[in-house]
Amino acid sequence: MIAIASRVPEPAIRRLTATLYGYAFLSDLVLLYPLYVVFFADTGLSVGQIASLFVIWSAAGILFEVPSGAWADVLSRRLLLCLAPLVAAAGFALWVLLPSYPAFAVGFLLWGAGGALVSGALEALVWTELDRLGAVDRYARVLGRARTAGVLGVVVSGVLAGPVLAVGGYPAVGAASVLACLLATIVATRLPEHRAPRAVRVPVAEPAMASRPVGAAPPGQDEPATVPPASPDDDGELGWWDTLRAGVSQVRTRPPVRAAVLLVAVVAADWGALDEYTPLLALDTGVGAQAVPLLLLLLWAGVTVGGLLAPAGERLGSRGYAALLGLVGVALAGGALLRHPAGFVLLAVAFGAAQLATVLADARLQARITGSSRATVTSLAGMATDVLIIVTYAGYGLLATAAGNAVAFAFTAGAYLVVALVLLTRRRRRTAVPVGVAAAVPGGPD
């Protein structure tokens, strides 16, 4: 057994985190973000055509998500992080050079592929590098700050997009977006990458919320305090197909991993889908179109704070995490049903709590993955998230048509209350069973 070093090599940690934050910021510093829907409309596309482009975008993410995760496990995670911005940049360049529906569709395919290359590879690289440095307990705070850096990139792009558009039109906006992607690729080449010996068992303390199954009781005497031994697959190099199968098998046969994958998908998908409808919700409050960006900026401020609160969130137990999800659901519903600009304060709180819950759910998943298919399993969670987002889009559209945006928003937010209730119910059920008995029956503490 290899003991974790008592002193973390701070220069190595600083190099990893600084490079990661720069990469996240530049990857989202895309000036086309706040303008692409307007760009499509100015090109002459109908609402139906624009909606079909969103479907193509989501489908591309689902199509490439899991294969790219296996590539990251077999090849180089850093290589995929370098390629991702280049693929997206090619799509953005195509949009502004040949503005047409076919070009937009191909661009979304490329953008979706680029996002899939990052998903799984980024989380796996960060976890592995922190594990190697004996600092895996910092994963949640590092990931939270990286996502905050990405949010800041989106905010800056929103501030710059208007002036750049006024000066140089869509070609200038597209060029700036491509430049940011190229800079992200350059930064990605500086990310460290080391693969730990596959057969080595490393003791790792999971985050407080992440360390237990959904609603599980505290660990008993017979439960291991470390990550389980590496799987037999770790003893040798696996090919792409075998790595993919190993990742799928881990999700299918290990209930703790499967539960963590589902938690990531549900927590991330609901607010990820609702975010697309916040501009409509803002207009429904009676403000003018010029005030909508200001209300949305309030939401992104909440997301930023949520990412920075990851270190404090790591101390949450099962009850605390359930309460966090309950806060998300209540604040989302209350902010929407208020039908007033002041409701966006509640929505900002909800988005911040949702960002924190997402980071903690990802930390929980990473702590439970074993073997050499870390990026593959993480990509499976990403694919499940994409599928749930599409389902949420469809359900929201039907409900909003019948009852309006506010009611649809509030109803969709109820998913968080359901998950919180499940967490609390399962915790009570497991606590009621003696630890020795629970460990011997299916579904008991693992």
Protein backbone atom coordinates (compact mmCIF):
# COMPACT_ATOMS: atom_id res chain seq x y z
CA MET A 1 0.00 0.00 0.00
CA ILE A 2 1.27 3.47 -0.85
CA ALA A 3 0.71 6.06 1.85
CA ILE A 4 -0.38 9.52 0.84
CA ALA A 5 2.40 12.05 1.27
CA SER A 6 2.09 14.15 4.37
CA ARG A 7 3.16 17.27 2.53
CA VAL A 8 1.50 18.15 -0.74
CA PRO A 9 3.92 19.48 -3.41
CA GLU A 10 2.41 22.95 -3.64
CA PRO A 11 4.23 24.07 -6.84
CA ALA A 12 2.81 21.07 -8.69
CA ILE A 13 -0.66 21.79 -7.32
CA ARG A 14 -0.39 25.43 -8.36
CA ARG A 15 0.70 24.48 -11.87
CA LEU A 16 -2.20 22.09 -12.27
CA THR A 17 -4.85 24.44 -10.91
CA ALA A 18 -3.61 27.60 -12.66
CA THR A 19 -3.50 25.79 -16.00
CA LEU A 20 -6.91 24.22 -15.40
CA TYR A 21 -8.53 27.54 -14.51
CA GLY A 22 -7.01 29.24 -17.55
CA TYR A 23 -8.23 26.44 -19.79
CA ALA A 24 -11.76 26.60 -18.37
CA PHE A 25 -11.89 30.40 -18.74
CA LEU A 26 -10.66 30.45 -22.36
CA SER A 27 -12.83 27.51 -23.39
CA ASP A 28 -15.94 29.51 -22.42
CA LEU A 29 -14.68 32.89 -23.63
CA VAL A 30 -16.69 32.40 -26.83
CA LEU A 31 -18.27 35.65 -27.99
CA LEU A 32 -20.73 33.71 -30.14
CA TYR A 33 -22.37 32.29 -26.98
CA PRO A 34 -24.77 35.18 -26.32
CA LEU A 35 -25.35 35.87 -30.01
CA TYR A 36 -25.66 32.63 -31.93
CA VAL A 37 -29.46 32.43 -31.71
CA VAL A 38 -29.72 36.02 -32.96
CA PHE A 39 -27.17 35.18 -35.67
CA PHE A 40 -29.29 32.26 -36.85
CA ALA A 41 -32.42 34.42 -36.93
CA ASP A 42 -30.61 37.18 -38.84
CA THR A 43 -29.54 34.57 -41.38
CA GLY A 44 -33.20 33.79 -42.00
CA LEU A 45 -33.76 30.61 -39.98
CA SER A 46 -37.19 29.97 -38.52
CA VAL A 47 -37.83 29.07 -34.89
CA GLY A 48 -38.43 25.48 -35.94
CA GLN A 49 -35.10 25.30 -37.75
CA ILE A 50 -33.29 26.78 -34.76
CA ALA A 51 -34.97 24.23 -32.47
CA SER A 52 -33.86 21.42 -34.78
CA LEU A 53 -30.28 22.68 -34.51
CA PHE A 54 -30.48 22.35 -30.72
CA VAL A 55 -31.62 18.75 -31.15
CA ILE A 56 -28.64 18.08 -33.44
CA TRP A 57 -26.35 19.65 -30.84
CA SER A 58 -27.69 17.47 -28.03
CA ALA A 59 -27.64 14.35 -30.18
CA ALA A 60 -24.01 14.98 -31.10
CA GLY A 61 -23.10 15.14 -27.43
CA ILE A 62 -24.86 11.85 -26.74
CA LEU A 63 -23.29 10.18 -29.79
CA PHE A 64 -19.70 11.14 -28.96
CA GLU A 65 -19.85 11.20 -25.15
CA VAL A 66 -19.05 7.59 -24.22
CA PRO A 67 -16.65 6.74 -27.09
CA SER A 68 -14.61 9.83 -26.28
CA GLY A 69 -14.44 8.80 -22.63
CA ALA A 70 -12.95 5.46 -23.63
CA TRP A 71 -10.47 7.26 -25.92
CA ALA A 72 -9.39 9.37 -22.96
CA ASP A 73 -8.75 6.24 -20.87
CA VAL A 74 -6.83 4.47 -23.65
CA LEU A 75 -4.96 7.36 -25.29
CA SER A 76 -4.17 10.67 -23.60
CA ARG A 77 -6.61 12.80 -21.65
CA ARG A 78 -4.48 15.86 -22.24
CA LEU A 79 -4.52 15.18 -25.98
CA LEU A 80 -8.32 15.16 -26.02
CA LEU A 81 -8.42 18.39 -24.01
CA CYS A 82 -6.13 19.95 -26.63
CA LEU A 83 -8.26 18.73 -29.53
CA ALA A 84 -11.63 19.77 -28.08
CA PRO A 85 -11.24 23.56 -28.56
CA LEU A 86 -9.87 23.01 -32.08
CA VAL A 87 -12.94 20.97 -33.05
CA ALA A 88 -15.25 23.64 -31.65
CA ALA A 89 -13.26 26.40 -33.37
CA ALA A 90 -13.72 24.66 -36.71
CA GLY A 91 -17.48 24.74 -36.17
CA PHE A 92 -17.50 28.44 -35.24
CA ALA A 93 -15.38 29.32 -38.28
CA LEU A 94 -17.76 27.39 -40.52
CA TRP A 95 -20.71 29.37 -39.15
CA VAL A 96 -19.32 32.78 -40.02
CA LEU A 97 -17.69 31.77 -43.32
CA LEU A 98 -20.70 29.92 -44.76
CA PRO A 99 -23.77 31.11 -42.81
CA SER A 100 -26.51 28.64 -43.76
CA TYR A 101 -28.57 25.90 -42.16
CA PRO A 102 -26.25 23.05 -43.34
CA ALA A 103 -23.20 24.92 -42.03
CA PHE A 104 -24.92 25.60 -38.71
CA ALA A 105 -25.85 21.91 -38.40
CA VAL A 106 -22.29 20.75 -39.09
CA GLY A 107 -21.01 23.39 -36.68
CA PHE A 108 -23.24 22.07 -33.92
CA LEU A 109 -22.03 18.53 -34.63
CA LEU A 110 -18.45 19.75 -34.21
CA TRP A 111 -19.31 21.76 -31.10
CA GLY A 112 -21.07 18.76 -29.58
CA ALA A 113 -18.08 16.54 -30.38
CA GLY A 114 -15.74 19.07 -28.79
CA GLY A 115 -17.80 19.14 -25.61
CA ALA A 116 -17.81 15.34 -25.50
CA LEU A 117 -14.02 15.24 -25.78
CA VAL A 118 -13.73 17.41 -22.65
CA SER A 119 -16.43 15.60 -20.65
CA GLY A 120 -14.91 12.74 -18.71
CA ALA A 121 -11.34 13.47 -19.77
CA LEU A 122 -11.12 16.67 -17.72
CA GLU A 123 -12.52 15.21 -14.50
CA ALA A 124 -10.43 12.04 -14.84
CA LEU A 125 -7.21 13.97 -15.46
CA VAL A 126 -7.76 16.29 -12.51
CA TRP A 127 -8.67 13.46 -10.13
CA THR A 128 -5.69 11.34 -11.24
CA GLU A 129 -3.20 14.20 -10.92
CA LEU A 130 -4.48 15.22 -7.49
CA ASP A 131 -4.40 11.56 -6.42
CA ARG A 132 -0.78 11.28 -7.58
CA LEU A 133 0.14 14.38 -5.56
CA GLY A 134 -1.64 13.15 -2.45
CA ALA A 135 -4.19 15.95 -2.67
CA VAL A 136 -7.30 14.17 -3.88
CA ASP A 137 -9.21 15.71 -0.98
CA ARG A 138 -8.96 19.02 -2.87
CA TYR A 139 -10.84 17.69 -5.90
CA ALA A 140 -14.22 19.28 -5.13
CA ARG A 141 -12.79 22.74 -4.47
CA VAL A 142 -10.54 22.58 -7.56
CA LEU A 143 -13.42 21.46 -9.78
CA GLY A 144 -15.71 24.09 -8.28
CA ARG A 145 -13.21 26.85 -8.99
CA ALA A 146 -12.61 25.54 -12.51
CA ARG A 147 -16.33 25.74 -13.23
CA THR A 148 -16.37 29.21 -11.74
CA ALA A 149 -13.57 30.18 -14.14
CA GLY A 150 -15.74 28.89 -16.98
CA VAL A 151 -18.67 30.96 -15.75
CA LEU A 152 -16.46 34.04 -15.69
CA GLY A 153 -15.52 33.29 -19.29
CA VAL A 154 -19.21 33.27 -20.21
CA VAL A 155 -19.78 36.55 -18.36
CA VAL A 156 -16.84 38.25 -20.06
CA SER A 157 -18.00 36.99 -23.46
CA GLY A 158 -21.41 38.52 -22.76
CA VAL A 159 -19.80 41.86 -21.93
CA LEU A 160 -17.54 41.90 -25.00
CA ALA A 161 -19.90 40.42 -27.59
CA GLY A 162 -21.97 43.58 -28.12
CA PRO A 163 -19.06 46.00 -28.68
CA VAL A 164 -17.22 43.55 -30.95
CA LEU A 165 -20.39 42.98 -32.97
CA ALA A 166 -20.87 46.72 -33.34
CA VAL A 167 -17.31 47.19 -34.60
CA GLY A 168 -16.82 44.20 -36.88
CA GLY A 169 -20.11 42.34 -37.20
CA TYR A 170 -20.47 38.59 -36.96
CA PRO A 171 -17.12 37.88 -38.73
CA ALA A 172 -15.29 39.70 -35.91
CA VAL A 173 -17.31 37.87 -33.25
CA GLY A 174 -16.52 34.56 -34.94
CA ALA A 175 -12.81 35.38 -35.23
CA ALA A 176 -12.62 36.29 -31.55
CA SER A 177 -14.36 33.01 -30.65
CA VAL A 178 -11.90 31.00 -32.76
CA LEU A 179 -8.97 32.85 -31.19
CA ALA A 180 -10.16 32.01 -27.67
CA CYS A 181 -10.40 28.34 -28.65
CA LEU A 182 -6.86 28.37 -30.07
CA LEU A 183 -5.55 29.94 -26.86
CA ALA A 184 -7.37 27.25 -24.84
CA THR A 185 -5.57 24.56 -26.85
CA ILE A 186 -2.20 26.19 -26.16
CA VAL A 187 -2.97 26.31 -22.45
CA ALA A 188 -4.09 22.66 -22.48
CA THR A 189 -0.65 21.57 -23.66
CA ARG A 190 0.65 22.72 -20.26
CA LEU A 191 -1.62 20.38 -18.29
CA PRO A 192 0.35 17.65 -16.50
CA GLU A 193 -0.59 14.06 -17.17
CA HIS A 194 0.69 11.00 -15.35
CA ARG A 195 -0.95 7.61 -15.21
CA ALA A 196 -0.77 5.86 -11.84
CA PRO A 197 0.32 2.19 -11.78
CA ARG A 198 -2.80 0.25 -12.59
CA ALA A 199 -2.44 -2.45 -9.92
CA VAL A 200 -1.67 -0.11 -7.03
CA ARG A 201 -4.23 0.46 -4.31
CA VAL A 202 -4.17 3.99 -2.94
CA PRO A 203 -6.05 4.94 0.23
CA VAL A 204 -8.20 7.96 -0.47
CA ALA A 205 -10.61 9.74 1.83
CA GLU A 206 -13.85 10.56 0.06
CA PRO A 207 -15.64 13.88 0.59
CA ALA A 208 -18.10 13.71 3.47
CA MET A 209 -21.17 13.70 1.25
CA ALA A 210 -19.50 11.64 -1.46
CA SER A 211 -18.24 8.83 0.71
CA ARG A 212 -21.53 7.03 1.31
CA PRO A 213 -24.19 5.54 -0.92
CA VAL A 214 -27.47 7.38 -1.29
CA GLY A 215 -28.89 7.72 2.19
CA ALA A 216 -26.41 5.28 3.73
CA ALA A 217 -25.64 5.08 7.43
CA PRO A 218 -22.15 5.90 8.72
CA PRO A 219 -19.51 3.22 7.98
CA GLY A 220 -19.37 0.28 10.32
CA GLN A 221 -16.42 -1.61 11.74
CA ASP A 222 -16.20 -4.03 8.86
CA GLU A 223 -16.31 -1.41 6.12
CA PRO A 224 -13.10 -0.35 4.40
CA ALA A 225 -12.00 3.26 4.80
CA THR A 226 -10.17 3.27 1.49
CA VAL A 227 -10.98 2.94 -2.16
CA PRO A 228 -11.58 -0.74 -3.06
CA PRO A 229 -8.75 -2.68 -4.66
CA ALA A 230 -8.21 -2.07 -8.32
CA SER A 231 -10.06 -4.36 -10.66
CA PRO A 232 -8.26 -7.17 -12.53
CA ASP A 233 -8.45 -5.02 -15.64
CA ASP A 234 -5.90 -2.71 -14.06
CA ASP A 235 -3.13 -5.27 -14.39
CA GLY A 236 -2.73 -4.80 -18.10
CA GLU A 237 -3.23 -2.32 -20.87
CA LEU A 238 -6.77 -2.39 -22.23
CA GLY A 239 -7.79 -1.53 -25.75
CA TRP A 240 -10.51 0.97 -26.57
CA TRP A 241 -13.32 -1.58 -26.78
CA ASP A 242 -12.25 -3.40 -23.60
CA THR A 243 -11.99 -0.10 -21.76
CA LEU A 244 -15.47 0.87 -22.92
CA ARG A 245 -16.86 -2.48 -21.79
CA ALA A 246 -15.09 -2.22 -18.43
CA GLY A 247 -16.61 1.22 -17.81
CA VAL A 248 -20.11 0.09 -18.75
CA SER A 249 -19.70 -3.03 -16.65
CA GLN A 250 -18.64 -0.99 -13.62
CA VAL A 251 -21.80 1.14 -13.84
CA ARG A 252 -23.97 -1.91 -14.46
CA THR A 253 -22.59 -4.21 -11.74
CA ARG A 254 -21.62 -1.80 -8.94
CA PRO A 255 -24.68 -0.20 -7.30
CA PRO A 256 -22.69 2.59 -5.57
CA VAL A 257 -21.21 3.71 -8.89
CA ARG A 258 -24.57 3.41 -10.66
CA ALA A 259 -26.26 5.48 -7.94
CA ALA A 260 -23.56 8.14 -8.22
CA VAL A 261 -23.93 8.29 -12.02
CA LEU A 262 -27.68 8.74 -11.71
CA LEU A 263 -27.27 11.43 -9.05
CA VAL A 264 -24.89 13.41 -11.28
CA ALA A 265 -27.29 13.12 -14.22
CA VAL A 266 -30.40 14.22 -12.34
CA VAL A 267 -28.76 17.06 -10.43
CA ALA A 268 -26.94 18.49 -13.46
CA ALA A 269 -29.67 17.98 -16.08
CA ASP A 270 -32.58 19.74 -14.39
CA TRP A 271 -31.01 23.15 -13.81
CA GLY A 272 -28.96 22.78 -17.01
CA ALA A 273 -32.18 22.55 -19.00
CA LEU A 274 -34.03 25.23 -17.02
CA ASP A 275 -31.20 27.67 -17.66
CA GLU A 276 -32.21 27.85 -21.34
CA TYR A 277 -35.65 29.15 -20.38
CA THR A 278 -34.58 31.89 -17.95
CA PRO A 279 -34.67 34.63 -20.66
CA LEU A 280 -38.34 33.82 -21.31
CA LEU A 281 -38.97 33.83 -17.57
CA ALA A 282 -37.34 37.26 -17.34
CA LEU A 283 -39.55 38.67 -20.11
CA ASP A 284 -42.61 37.30 -18.33
CA THR A 285 -41.79 39.50 -15.31
CA GLY A 286 -42.59 42.57 -17.44
CA VAL A 287 -39.08 43.95 -17.91
CA GLY A 288 -37.88 45.10 -21.30
CA ALA A 289 -35.53 43.12 -23.48
CA GLN A 290 -32.64 45.39 -22.54
CA ALA A 291 -32.98 44.39 -18.86
CA VAL A 292 -32.91 40.65 -19.53
CA PRO A 293 -29.07 40.39 -19.63
CA LEU A 294 -28.86 42.10 -16.24
CA LEU A 295 -31.21 39.58 -14.65
CA LEU A 296 -29.28 36.71 -16.24
CA LEU A 297 -26.04 38.19 -14.95
CA LEU A 298 -27.51 37.88 -11.46
CA LEU A 299 -28.01 34.15 -12.04
CA TRP A 300 -24.42 33.66 -13.19
CA ALA A 301 -23.23 35.51 -10.10
CA GLY A 302 -25.09 32.89 -8.07
CA VAL A 303 -23.46 30.10 -10.06
CA THR A 304 -20.05 31.65 -9.40
CA VAL A 305 -20.62 31.75 -5.65
CA GLY A 306 -21.89 28.17 -5.70
CA GLY A 307 -18.71 26.92 -7.31
CA LEU A 308 -16.55 28.73 -4.77
CA LEU A 309 -18.48 27.19 -1.86
CA ALA A 310 -17.34 23.65 -2.76
CA PRO A 311 -14.85 23.39 0.16
CA ALA A 312 -17.61 24.16 2.66
CA GLY A 313 -20.02 21.84 0.84
CA GLU A 314 -17.66 18.91 1.29
CA ARG A 315 -18.58 18.85 4.96
CA LEU A 316 -22.24 18.14 4.20
CA GLY A 317 -23.53 14.73 5.16
CA SER A 318 -26.48 12.95 3.55
CA ARG A 319 -29.04 15.10 5.38
CA GLY A 320 -27.19 18.28 4.53
CA TYR A 321 -26.99 17.34 0.87
CA ALA A 322 -30.69 16.51 0.80
CA ALA A 323 -31.39 19.90 2.39
CA LEU A 324 -29.24 21.54 -0.31
CA LEU A 325 -31.32 19.89 -3.04
CA GLY A 326 -34.49 20.93 -1.24
CA LEU A 327 -33.25 24.52 -1.26
CA VAL A 328 -32.66 24.30 -5.00
CA GLY A 329 -36.18 23.05 -5.68
CA VAL A 330 -37.96 25.53 -3.40
CA ALA A 331 -35.93 28.54 -4.57
CA LEU A 332 -36.38 27.68 -8.26
CA ALA A 333 -40.13 27.26 -7.89
CA GLY A 334 -40.54 30.31 -5.66
CA GLY A 335 -38.48 32.57 -7.92
CA ALA A 336 -40.46 31.52 -10.98
CA LEU A 337 -43.91 31.76 -9.42
CA LEU A 338 -43.20 35.20 -7.97
CA ARG A 339 -43.42 36.58 -11.54
CA HIS A 340 -41.41 39.64 -10.52
CA PRO A 341 -37.80 40.72 -11.20
CA ALA A 342 -37.12 40.26 -7.48
CA GLY A 343 -37.76 36.56 -8.03
CA PHE A 344 -34.41 36.37 -9.80
CA VAL A 345 -32.72 36.80 -6.43
CA LEU A 346 -34.27 33.49 -5.40
CA LEU A 347 -33.31 31.98 -8.75
CA ALA A 348 -29.71 33.14 -8.23
CA VAL A 349 -29.65 31.37 -4.85
CA ALA A 350 -31.09 28.26 -6.49
CA PHE A 351 -28.55 28.27 -9.32
CA GLY A 352 -25.69 28.72 -6.87
CA ALA A 353 -26.92 25.82 -4.74
CA ALA A 354 -27.42 23.71 -7.87
CA GLN A 355 -23.85 24.39 -9.00
CA LEU A 356 -22.57 23.35 -5.57
CA ALA A 357 -24.73 20.21 -5.60
CA THR A 358 -23.42 19.30 -9.06
CA VAL A 359 -19.78 19.67 -8.02
CA LEU A 360 -20.35 17.55 -4.90
CA ALA A 361 -22.18 14.88 -6.91
CA ASP A 362 -19.26 14.69 -9.33
CA ALA A 363 -16.82 14.37 -6.41
CA ARG A 364 -18.96 11.52 -5.06
CA LEU A 365 -18.79 9.77 -8.43
CA GLN A 366 -15.02 10.18 -8.83
CA ALA A 367 -14.45 8.79 -5.32
CA ARG A 368 -16.36 5.61 -6.21
CA ILE A 369 -14.80 4.83 -9.58
CA THR A 370 -12.05 2.21 -9.60
CA GLY A 371 -9.95 0.75 -12.37
CA SER A 372 -8.68 2.25 -15.60
CA SER A 373 -12.04 3.39 -17.03
CA ARG A 374 -12.47 6.59 -15.01
CA ALA A 375 -13.11 8.86 -18.00
CA THR A 376 -15.45 6.28 -19.55
CA VAL A 377 -17.62 6.08 -16.43
CA THR A 378 -17.65 9.87 -16.13
CA SER A 379 -18.72 10.12 -19.77
CA LEU A 380 -21.57 7.71 -19.09
CA ALA A 381 -22.77 10.17 -16.47
CA GLY A 382 -22.46 12.93 -19.07
CA MET A 383 -24.47 10.95 -21.60
CA ALA A 384 -27.20 10.27 -19.02
CA THR A 385 -27.25 14.01 -18.29
CA ASP A 386 -27.69 14.85 -21.98
CA VAL A 387 -30.54 12.36 -22.33
CA LEU A 388 -32.35 13.80 -19.30
CA ILE A 389 -31.84 17.34 -20.63
CA ILE A 390 -33.57 16.42 -23.90
CA VAL A 391 -36.43 14.80 -21.97
CA THR A 392 -36.70 17.92 -19.79
CA TYR A 393 -36.78 20.15 -22.89
CA ALA A 394 -39.67 18.15 -24.30
CA GLY A 395 -41.65 18.05 -21.06
CA TYR A 396 -41.11 21.72 -20.36
CA GLY A 397 -42.27 22.68 -23.84
CA LEU A 398 -45.51 20.77 -23.49
CA LEU A 399 -46.23 22.08 -20.00
CA ALA A 400 -45.31 25.68 -20.82
CA THR A 401 -47.64 25.61 -23.83
CA ALA A 402 -50.52 24.56 -21.58
CA ALA A 403 -49.79 26.46 -18.37
CA GLY A 404 -47.12 29.08 -19.06
CA ASN A 405 -43.41 29.41 -18.34
CA ALA A 406 -43.66 30.05 -14.60
CA VAL A 407 -45.73 26.93 -13.89
CA ALA A 408 -43.56 24.76 -16.16
CA PHE A 409 -40.41 26.09 -14.48
CA ALA A 410 -41.74 25.44 -10.97
CA PHE A 411 -43.03 21.96 -11.84
CA THR A 412 -39.72 20.95 -13.42
CA ALA A 413 -37.85 22.18 -10.34
CA GLY A 414 -39.84 19.68 -8.29
CA ALA A 415 -37.41 16.97 -9.39
CA TYR A 416 -34.97 18.25 -6.77
CA LEU A 417 -37.54 17.81 -4.02
CA VAL A 418 -38.15 14.23 -5.17
CA VAL A 419 -34.42 13.41 -5.10
CA ALA A 420 -34.06 15.02 -1.66
CA LEU A 421 -36.94 12.91 -0.37
CA VAL A 422 -35.38 9.75 -1.80
CA LEU A 423 -32.07 10.55 -0.09
CA LEU A 424 -33.74 11.04 3.28
CA THR A 425 -35.99 7.99 2.93
CA ARG A 426 -33.14 5.65 2.01
CA ARG A 427 -31.02 7.02 4.83
CA ARG A 428 -33.75 6.28 7.38
CA ARG A 429 -34.24 2.79 5.94
CA ARG A 430 -30.54 1.96 6.14
CA THR A 431 -30.14 3.48 9.59
CA ALA A 432 -32.98 1.29 10.85
CA VAL A 433 -31.09 -1.87 9.83
CA PRO A 434 -28.15 -3.03 12.01
CA VAL A 435 -24.86 -2.48 10.20
CA GLY A 436 -23.89 -6.17 10.24
CA VAL A 437 -27.25 -7.18 8.77
CA ALA A 438 -27.28 -4.35 6.23
CA ALA A 439 -23.86 -5.34 4.96
CA ALA A 440 -25.10 -8.87 4.31
CA VAL A 441 -28.16 -8.01 2.27
CA PRO A 442 -28.52 -6.51 -1.22
CA GLY A 443 -28.57 -2.75 -1.07
CA GLY A 444 -26.84 -2.59 2.32
CA PRO A 445 -23.87 -0.35 2.97
CA ASP A 446 -21.04 -1.14 0.61
